PDB file of N, CA and C in Angstrom:
ATOM      1  N   MET A   1     -28.594 -15.579 -16.964  1.00  0.00           N
ATOM      2  CA  MET A   1     -27.472 -15.948 -16.106  1.00  0.00           C
ATOM      3  C   MET A   1     -26.158 -15.793 -16.876  1.00  0.00           C
ATOM      4  N   ASP A   2     -25.072 -15.797 -16.128  1.00  0.00           N
ATOM      5  CA  ASP A   2     -23.746 -15.648 -16.715  1.00  0.00           C
ATOM      6  C   ASP A   2     -23.249 -16.978 -17.276  1.00  0.00           C
ATOM      7  N   LYS A   3     -22.140 -16.909 -18.019  1.00  0.00           N
ATOM      8  CA  LYS A   3     -21.528 -18.066 -18.669  1.00  0.00           C
ATOM      9  C   LYS A   3     -20.074 -18.167 -18.252  1.00  0.00           C
ATOM     10  N   LEU A   4     -19.577 -19.395 -18.100  1.00  0.00           N
ATOM     11  CA  LEU A   4     -18.156 -19.629 -17.858  1.00  0.00           C
ATOM     12  C   LEU A   4     -17.512 -20.000 -19.184  1.00  0.00           C
ATOM     13  N   ILE A   5     -16.421 -19.349 -19.516  1.00  0.00           N
ATOM     14  CA  ILE A   5     -15.737 -19.578 -20.781  1.00  0.00           C
ATOM     15  C   ILE A   5     -14.282 -19.933 -20.493  1.00  0.00           C
ATOM     16  N   TYR A   6     -13.829 -21.046 -21.077  1.00  0.00           N
ATOM     17  CA  TYR A   6     -12.440 -21.490 -20.940  1.00  0.00           C
ATOM     18  C   TYR A   6     -11.805 -21.548 -22.327  1.00  0.00           C
ATOM     19  N   ASP A   7     -10.576 -21.047 -22.426  1.00  0.00           N
ATOM     20  CA  ASP A   7      -9.768 -21.178 -23.635  1.00  0.00           C
ATOM     21  C   ASP A   7      -8.489 -21.884 -23.209  1.00  0.00           C
ATOM     22  N   VAL A   8      -8.380 -23.160 -23.560  1.00  0.00           N
ATOM     23  CA  VAL A   8      -7.264 -23.989 -23.090  1.00  0.00           C
ATOM     24  C   VAL A   8      -6.186 -24.033 -24.161  1.00  0.00           C
ATOM     25  N   GLY A   9      -5.000 -23.609 -23.769  1.00  0.00           N
ATOM     26  CA  GLY A   9      -3.847 -23.680 -24.654  1.00  0.00           C
ATOM     27  C   GLY A   9      -2.757 -24.519 -24.021  1.00  0.00           C
ATOM     28  N   ALA A  10      -1.697 -24.739 -24.743  1.00  0.00           N
ATOM     29  CA  ALA A  10      -0.585 -25.538 -24.233  1.00  0.00           C
ATOM     30  C   ALA A  10       0.099 -24.873 -23.040  1.00  0.00           C
ATOM     31  N   SER A  11       0.071 -23.561 -22.981  1.00  0.00           N
ATOM     32  CA  SER A  11       0.744 -22.839 -21.892  1.00  0.00           C
ATOM     33  C   SER A  11      -0.205 -22.372 -20.798  1.00  0.00           C
ATOM     34  N   ASN A  12      -1.398 -21.910 -21.179  1.00  0.00           N
ATOM     35  CA  ASN A  12      -2.308 -21.312 -20.206  1.00  0.00           C
ATOM     36  C   ASN A  12      -3.754 -21.714 -20.451  1.00  0.00           C
ATOM     37  N   ILE A  13      -4.531 -21.686 -19.370  1.00  0.00           N
ATOM     38  CA  ILE A  13      -5.986 -21.734 -19.461  1.00  0.00           C
ATOM     39  C   ILE A  13      -6.450 -20.316 -19.185  1.00  0.00           C
ATOM     40  N   LYS A  14      -7.108 -19.744 -20.167  1.00  0.00           N
ATOM     41  CA  LYS A  14      -7.699 -18.418 -19.988  1.00  0.00           C
ATOM     42  C   LYS A  14      -9.168 -18.629 -19.654  1.00  0.00           C
ATOM     43  N   PHE A  15      -9.661 -17.893 -18.689  1.00  0.00           N
ATOM     44  CA  PHE A  15     -10.996 -18.093 -18.147  1.00  0.00           C
ATOM     45  C   PHE A  15     -11.714 -16.757 -18.074  1.00  0.00           C
ATOM     46  N   ALA A  16     -13.013 -16.769 -18.384  1.00  0.00           N
ATOM     47  CA  ALA A  16     -13.810 -15.551 -18.250  1.00  0.00           C
ATOM     48  C   ALA A  16     -15.199 -15.894 -17.750  1.00  0.00           C
ATOM     49  N   LEU A  17     -15.750 -15.004 -16.964  1.00  0.00           N
ATOM     50  CA  LEU A  17     -17.164 -15.023 -16.602  1.00  0.00           C
ATOM     51  C   LEU A  17     -17.799 -13.947 -17.457  1.00  0.00           C
ATOM     52  N   MET A  18     -18.800 -14.347 -18.262  1.00  0.00           N
ATOM     53  CA  MET A  18     -19.406 -13.417 -19.210  1.00  0.00           C
ATOM     54  C   MET A  18     -20.919 -13.378 -19.041  1.00  0.00           C
ATOM     55  N   THR A  19     -21.492 -12.251 -19.425  1.00  0.00           N
ATOM     56  CA  THR A  19     -22.945 -12.151 -19.462  1.00  0.00           C
ATOM     57  C   THR A  19     -23.439 -12.854 -20.718  1.00  0.00           C
ATOM     58  N   ASP A  20     -24.747 -13.067 -20.801  1.00  0.00           N
ATOM     59  CA  ASP A  20     -25.296 -13.686 -22.004  1.00  0.00           C
ATOM     60  C   ASP A  20     -25.225 -12.744 -23.210  1.00  0.00           C
ATOM     61  N   ARG A  21     -24.825 -11.517 -22.992  1.00  0.00           N
ATOM     62  CA  ARG A  21     -24.643 -10.561 -24.091  1.00  0.00           C
ATOM     63  C   ARG A  21     -23.176 -10.428 -24.502  1.00  0.00           C
ATOM     64  N   GLY A  22     -22.283 -11.213 -23.858  1.00  0.00           N
ATOM     65  CA  GLY A  22     -20.881 -11.220 -24.231  1.00  0.00           C
ATOM     66  C   GLY A  22     -20.000 -10.253 -23.464  1.00  0.00           C
ATOM     67  N   GLU A  23     -20.537  -9.576 -22.467  1.00  0.00           N
ATOM     68  CA  GLU A  23     -19.739  -8.662 -21.650  1.00  0.00           C
ATOM     69  C   GLU A  23     -18.878  -9.470 -20.681  1.00  0.00           C
ATOM     70  N   ILE A  24     -17.588  -9.212 -20.662  1.00  0.00           N
ATOM     71  CA  ILE A  24     -16.680  -9.902 -19.745  1.00  0.00           C
ATOM     72  C   ILE A  24     -16.766  -9.250 -18.381  1.00  0.00           C
ATOM     73  N   LEU A  25     -17.168 -10.039 -17.388  1.00  0.00           N
ATOM     74  CA  LEU A  25     -17.286  -9.542 -16.018  1.00  0.00           C
ATOM     75  C   LEU A  25     -15.998  -9.750 -15.235  1.00  0.00           C
ATOM     76  N   GLU A  26     -15.357 -10.882 -15.450  1.00  0.00           N
ATOM     77  CA  GLU A  26     -14.095 -11.203 -14.789  1.00  0.00           C
ATOM     78  C   GLU A  26     -13.280 -12.076 -15.729  1.00  0.00           C
ATOM     79  N   ARG A  27     -11.966 -12.030 -15.566  1.00  0.00           N
ATOM     80  CA  ARG A  27     -11.099 -12.908 -16.350  1.00  0.00           C
ATOM     81  C   ARG A  27      -9.877 -13.280 -15.523  1.00  0.00           C
ATOM     82  N   ARG A  28      -9.377 -14.469 -15.816  1.00  0.00           N
ATOM     83  CA  ARG A  28      -8.180 -14.975 -15.143  1.00  0.00           C
ATOM     84  C   ARG A  28      -7.376 -15.802 -16.138  1.00  0.00           C
ATOM     85  N   LYS A  29      -6.134 -16.064 -15.780  1.00  0.00           N
ATOM     86  CA  LYS A  29      -5.275 -16.921 -16.581  1.00  0.00           C
ATOM     87  C   LYS A  29      -4.404 -17.715 -15.614  1.00  0.00           C
ATOM     88  N   ILE A  30      -4.331 -19.027 -15.849  1.00  0.00           N
ATOM     89  CA  ILE A  30      -3.466 -19.883 -15.029  1.00  0.00           C
ATOM     90  C   ILE A  30      -2.647 -20.773 -15.958  1.00  0.00           C
ATOM     91  N   PRO A  31      -1.508 -21.259 -15.510  1.00  0.00           N
ATOM     92  CA  PRO A  31      -0.753 -22.216 -16.331  1.00  0.00           C
ATOM     93  C   PRO A  31      -1.577 -23.493 -16.550  1.00  0.00           C
ATOM     94  N   THR A  32      -1.530 -24.028 -17.750  1.00  0.00           N
ATOM     95  CA  THR A  32      -2.236 -25.270 -18.049  1.00  0.00           C
ATOM     96  C   THR A  32      -1.541 -26.431 -17.351  1.00  0.00           C
ATOM     97  N   PRO A  33      -2.259 -27.142 -16.463  1.00  0.00           N
ATOM     98  CA  PRO A  33      -1.660 -28.319 -15.819  1.00  0.00           C
ATOM     99  C   PRO A  33      -1.408 -29.406 -16.863  1.00  0.00           C
ATOM    100  N   ARG A  34      -0.198 -29.939 -16.858  1.00  0.00           N
ATOM    101  CA  ARG A  34       0.178 -30.937 -17.863  1.00  0.00           C
ATOM    102  C   ARG A  34       0.683 -32.221 -17.234  1.00  0.00           C
ATOM    103  N   GLU A  35       0.566 -32.322 -15.894  1.00  0.00           N
ATOM    104  CA  GLU A  35       1.092 -33.478 -15.194  1.00  0.00           C
ATOM    105  C   GLU A  35       0.169 -34.689 -15.279  1.00  0.00           C
ATOM    106  N   SER A  36      -1.148 -34.453 -15.146  1.00  0.00           N
ATOM    107  CA  SER A  36      -2.089 -35.573 -15.096  1.00  0.00           C
ATOM    108  C   SER A  36      -3.495 -35.097 -15.432  1.00  0.00           C
ATOM    109  N   LEU A  37      -4.348 -36.033 -15.776  1.00  0.00           N
ATOM    110  CA  LEU A  37      -5.743 -35.714 -16.044  1.00  0.00           C
ATOM    111  C   LEU A  37      -6.411 -35.140 -14.804  1.00  0.00           C
ATOM    112  N   GLU A  38      -6.088 -35.671 -13.641  1.00  0.00           N
ATOM    113  CA  GLU A  38      -6.696 -35.193 -12.391  1.00  0.00           C
ATOM    114  C   GLU A  38      -6.379 -33.726 -12.141  1.00  0.00           C
ATOM    115  N   GLU A  39      -5.124 -33.337 -12.315  1.00  0.00           N
ATOM    116  CA  GLU A  39      -4.731 -31.943 -12.122  1.00  0.00           C
ATOM    117  C   GLU A  39      -5.359 -31.035 -13.177  1.00  0.00           C
ATOM    118  N   TYR A  40      -5.443 -31.538 -14.386  1.00  0.00           N
ATOM    119  CA  TYR A  40      -6.044 -30.789 -15.492  1.00  0.00           C
ATOM    120  C   TYR A  40      -7.513 -30.495 -15.194  1.00  0.00           C
ATOM    121  N   LEU A  41      -8.281 -31.511 -14.809  1.00  0.00           N
ATOM    122  CA  LEU A  41      -9.701 -31.324 -14.503  1.00  0.00           C
ATOM    123  C   LEU A  41      -9.911 -30.482 -13.255  1.00  0.00           C
ATOM    124  N   LYS A  42      -9.029 -30.624 -12.276  1.00  0.00           N
ATOM    125  CA  LYS A  42      -9.125 -29.831 -11.038  1.00  0.00           C
ATOM    126  C   LYS A  42      -8.999 -28.338 -11.352  1.00  0.00           C
ATOM    127  N   ALA A  43      -8.184 -27.986 -12.326  1.00  0.00           N
ATOM    128  CA  ALA A  43      -8.033 -26.571 -12.708  1.00  0.00           C
ATOM    129  C   ALA A  43      -9.372 -25.982 -13.151  1.00  0.00           C
ATOM    130  N   PHE A  44     -10.162 -26.756 -13.899  1.00  0.00           N
ATOM    131  CA  PHE A  44     -11.474 -26.278 -14.341  1.00  0.00           C
ATOM    132  C   PHE A  44     -12.416 -26.066 -13.163  1.00  0.00           C
ATOM    133  N   THR A  45     -12.454 -27.038 -12.266  1.00  0.00           N
ATOM    134  CA  THR A  45     -13.370 -26.915 -11.121  1.00  0.00           C
ATOM    135  C   THR A  45     -12.912 -25.829 -10.159  1.00  0.00           C
ATOM    136  N   ASP A  46     -11.614 -25.672  -9.970  1.00  0.00           N
ATOM    137  CA  ASP A  46     -11.111 -24.617  -9.087  1.00  0.00           C
ATOM    138  C   ASP A  46     -11.456 -23.229  -9.640  1.00  0.00           C
ATOM    139  N   LEU A  47     -11.337 -23.054 -10.952  1.00  0.00           N
ATOM    140  CA  LEU A  47     -11.684 -21.765 -11.554  1.00  0.00           C
ATOM    141  C   LEU A  47     -13.178 -21.477 -11.438  1.00  0.00           C
ATOM    142  N   ALA A  48     -14.011 -22.504 -11.548  1.00  0.00           N
ATOM    143  CA  ALA A  48     -15.468 -22.336 -11.512  1.00  0.00           C
ATOM    144  C   ALA A  48     -16.023 -22.184 -10.105  1.00  0.00           C
ATOM    145  N   ALA A  49     -15.350 -22.723  -9.105  1.00  0.00           N
ATOM    146  CA  ALA A  49     -15.894 -22.789  -7.738  1.00  0.00           C
ATOM    147  C   ALA A  49     -16.417 -21.457  -7.195  1.00  0.00           C
ATOM    148  N   PRO A  50     -15.709 -20.349  -7.358  1.00  0.00           N
ATOM    149  CA  PRO A  50     -16.211 -19.092  -6.792  1.00  0.00           C
ATOM    150  C   PRO A  50     -17.513 -18.588  -7.429  1.00  0.00           C
ATOM    151  N   TYR A  51     -17.898 -19.178  -8.541  1.00  0.00           N
ATOM    152  CA  TYR A  51     -19.066 -18.690  -9.286  1.00  0.00           C
ATOM    153  C   TYR A  51     -20.260 -19.642  -9.199  1.00  0.00           C
ATOM    154  N   ALA A  52     -20.221 -20.586  -8.289  1.00  0.00           N
ATOM    155  CA  ALA A  52     -21.313 -21.559  -8.137  1.00  0.00           C
ATOM    156  C   ALA A  52     -22.652 -20.832  -8.019  1.00  0.00           C
ATOM    157  N   GLY A  53     -23.616 -21.275  -8.810  1.00  0.00           N
ATOM    158  CA  GLY A  53     -24.938 -20.672  -8.790  1.00  0.00           C
ATOM    159  C   GLY A  53     -25.107 -19.435  -9.649  1.00  0.00           C
ATOM    160  N   ARG A  54     -24.013 -18.943 -10.237  1.00  0.00           N
ATOM    161  CA  ARG A  54     -24.077 -17.717 -11.050  1.00  0.00           C
ATOM    162  C   ARG A  54     -24.113 -17.967 -12.546  1.00  0.00           C
ATOM    163  N   TYR A  55     -23.906 -19.205 -12.979  1.00  0.00           N
ATOM    164  CA  TYR A  55     -23.828 -19.475 -14.409  1.00  0.00           C
ATOM    165  C   TYR A  55     -24.746 -20.628 -14.800  1.00  0.00           C
ATOM    166  N   ASP A  56     -25.135 -20.621 -16.077  1.00  0.00           N
ATOM    167  CA  ASP A  56     -26.002 -21.679 -16.570  1.00  0.00           C
ATOM    168  C   ASP A  56     -25.440 -22.382 -17.804  1.00  0.00           C
ATOM    169  N   ALA A  57     -24.230 -22.011 -18.202  1.00  0.00           N
ATOM    170  CA  ALA A  57     -23.607 -22.656 -19.353  1.00  0.00           C
ATOM    171  C   ALA A  57     -22.093 -22.526 -19.249  1.00  0.00           C
ATOM    172  N   VAL A  58     -21.403 -23.478 -19.885  1.00  0.00           N
ATOM    173  CA  VAL A  58     -19.945 -23.497 -19.914  1.00  0.00           C
ATOM    174  C   VAL A  58     -19.504 -23.699 -21.354  1.00  0.00           C
ATOM    175  N   GLY A  59     -18.525 -22.915 -21.796  1.00  0.00           N
ATOM    176  CA  GLY A  59     -17.934 -23.085 -23.119  1.00  0.00           C
ATOM    177  C   GLY A  59     -16.455 -23.372 -22.968  1.00  0.00           C
ATOM    178  N   ILE A  60     -15.966 -24.377 -23.710  1.00  0.00           N
ATOM    179  CA  ILE A  60     -14.550 -24.747 -23.636  1.00  0.00           C
ATOM    180  C   ILE A  60     -13.995 -24.841 -25.046  1.00  0.00           C
ATOM    181  N   SER A  61     -12.894 -24.132 -25.280  1.00  0.00           N
ATOM    182  CA  SER A  61     -12.170 -24.211 -26.536  1.00  0.00           C
ATOM    183  C   SER A  61     -10.791 -24.777 -26.217  1.00  0.00           C
ATOM    184  N   THR A  62     -10.369 -25.798 -26.962  1.00  0.00           N
ATOM    185  CA  THR A  62      -9.064 -26.388 -26.721  1.00  0.00           C
ATOM    186  C   THR A  62      -8.487 -26.926 -28.024  1.00  0.00           C
ATOM    187  N   ASN A  63      -7.211 -27.251 -27.986  1.00  0.00           N
ATOM    188  CA  ASN A  63      -6.588 -27.829 -29.172  1.00  0.00           C
ATOM    189  C   ASN A  63      -6.772 -29.344 -29.158  1.00  0.00           C
ATOM    190  N   GLY A  64      -6.536 -29.956 -30.280  1.00  0.00           N
ATOM    191  CA  GLY A  64      -6.654 -31.406 -30.376  1.00  0.00           C
ATOM    192  C   GLY A  64      -7.588 -31.802 -31.508  1.00  0.00           C
ATOM    193  N   ARG A  65      -7.673 -33.083 -31.732  1.00  0.00           N
ATOM    194  CA  ARG A  65      -8.528 -33.614 -32.794  1.00  0.00           C
ATOM    195  C   ARG A  65      -9.429 -34.696 -32.214  1.00  0.00           C
ATOM    196  N   MET A  66     -10.648 -34.762 -32.745  1.00  0.00           N
ATOM    197  CA  MET A  66     -11.609 -35.736 -32.243  1.00  0.00           C
ATOM    198  C   MET A  66     -12.177 -36.567 -33.388  1.00  0.00           C
ATOM    199  N   GLN A  67     -12.508 -37.803 -33.076  1.00  0.00           N
ATOM    200  CA  GLN A  67     -13.231 -38.673 -33.988  1.00  0.00           C
ATOM    201  C   GLN A  67     -14.693 -38.228 -34.004  1.00  0.00           C
ATOM    202  N   PRO A  68     -15.470 -38.613 -35.018  1.00  0.00           N
ATOM    203  CA  PRO A  68     -16.895 -38.273 -35.032  1.00  0.00           C
ATOM    204  C   PRO A  68     -17.658 -38.786 -33.808  1.00  0.00           C
ATOM    205  N   ASP A  69     -17.167 -39.867 -33.173  1.00  0.00           N
ATOM    206  CA  ASP A  69     -17.840 -40.395 -31.979  1.00  0.00           C
ATOM    207  C   ASP A  69     -17.489 -39.613 -30.711  1.00  0.00           C
ATOM    208  N   GLY A  70     -16.624 -38.604 -30.828  1.00  0.00           N
ATOM    209  CA  GLY A  70     -16.286 -37.762 -29.692  1.00  0.00           C
ATOM    210  C   GLY A  70     -14.990 -38.119 -28.989  1.00  0.00           C
ATOM    211  N   ASN A  71     -14.337 -39.205 -29.359  1.00  0.00           N
ATOM    212  CA  ASN A  71     -13.081 -39.590 -28.721  1.00  0.00           C
ATOM    213  C   ASN A  71     -11.916 -38.791 -29.279  1.00  0.00           C
ATOM    214  N   THR A  72     -11.052 -38.331 -28.383  1.00  0.00           N
ATOM    215  CA  THR A  72      -9.860 -37.589 -28.778  1.00  0.00           C
ATOM    216  C   THR A  72      -8.845 -38.555 -29.367  1.00  0.00           C
ATOM    217  N   TYR A  73      -8.318 -38.238 -30.543  1.00  0.00           N
ATOM    218  CA  TYR A  73      -7.272 -39.091 -31.110  1.00  0.00           C
ATOM    219  C   TYR A  73      -5.934 -38.376 -31.227  1.00  0.00           C
ATOM    220  N   ARG A  74      -5.920 -37.099 -31.007  1.00  0.00           N
ATOM    221  CA  ARG A  74      -4.659 -36.356 -30.986  1.00  0.00           C
ATOM    222  C   ARG A  74      -4.815 -35.209 -30.011  1.00  0.00           C
ATOM    223  N   ALA A  75      -4.052 -35.242 -28.934  1.00  0.00           N
ATOM    224  CA  ALA A  75      -4.182 -34.236 -27.884  1.00  0.00           C
ATOM    225  C   ALA A  75      -2.984 -33.296 -27.838  1.00  0.00           C
ATOM    226  N   TYR A  76      -2.170 -33.319 -28.850  1.00  0.00           N
ATOM    227  CA  TYR A  76      -1.000 -32.462 -28.953  1.00  0.00           C
ATOM    228  C   TYR A  76      -0.118 -32.555 -27.727  1.00  0.00           C
ATOM    229  N   THR A  77      -0.110 -31.588 -26.853  1.00  0.00           N
ATOM    230  CA  THR A  77       0.864 -31.547 -25.760  1.00  0.00           C
ATOM    231  C   THR A  77       0.415 -32.272 -24.493  1.00  0.00           C
ATOM    232  N   MET A  78      -0.811 -32.793 -24.451  1.00  0.00           N
ATOM    233  CA  MET A  78      -1.305 -33.447 -23.235  1.00  0.00           C
ATOM    234  C   MET A  78      -1.762 -34.865 -23.557  1.00  0.00           C
ATOM    235  N   ASN A  79      -0.795 -35.781 -23.581  1.00  0.00           N
ATOM    236  CA  ASN A  79      -1.091 -37.152 -23.969  1.00  0.00           C
ATOM    237  C   ASN A  79      -2.107 -37.831 -23.074  1.00  0.00           C
ATOM    238  N   PHE A  80      -2.263 -37.373 -21.838  1.00  0.00           N
ATOM    239  CA  PHE A  80      -3.245 -38.001 -20.941  1.00  0.00           C
ATOM    240  C   PHE A  80      -4.675 -37.775 -21.413  1.00  0.00           C
ATOM    241  N   LEU A  81      -4.890 -36.909 -22.396  1.00  0.00           N
ATOM    242  CA  LEU A  81      -6.225 -36.696 -22.944  1.00  0.00           C
ATOM    243  C   LEU A  81      -6.566 -37.665 -24.080  1.00  0.00           C
ATOM    244  N   MET A  82      -5.600 -38.442 -24.525  1.00  0.00           N
ATOM    245  CA  MET A  82      -5.838 -39.392 -25.612  1.00  0.00           C
ATOM    246  C   MET A  82      -6.945 -40.368 -25.215  1.00  0.00           C
ATOM    247  N   GLY A  83      -7.933 -40.533 -26.094  1.00  0.00           N
ATOM    248  CA  GLY A  83      -9.023 -41.473 -25.855  1.00  0.00           C
ATOM    249  C   GLY A  83     -10.144 -40.934 -24.982  1.00  0.00           C
ATOM    250  N   ILE A  84     -10.012 -39.706 -24.477  1.00  0.00           N
ATOM    251  CA  ILE A  84     -11.044 -39.102 -23.636  1.00  0.00           C
ATOM    252  C   ILE A  84     -12.125 -38.521 -24.537  1.00  0.00           C
ATOM    253  N   ASP A  85     -13.391 -38.724 -24.174  1.00  0.00           N
ATOM    254  CA  ASP A  85     -14.452 -38.099 -24.959  1.00  0.00           C
ATOM    255  C   ASP A  85     -15.097 -36.970 -24.183  1.00  0.00           C
TER     256      ASP A  85
END
């Protein structure tokens, strides 16, 4: 099955649908929502919605720092992510 890949930056979320061999099938880029956690999470689900049933894994790369327990302690430009695991 295919994979959903997100690269979250301060300006944009870059998104790709890839094969398990790394071939990019589709790609998109949208501005990173910075208003609220709800808008931020909605961007992920909106990007994934057209591919329901086509993928079996999701990869997310983003900036920030995490404690060993998984809690975010520095979210750089998106303070609403502070304390989120």
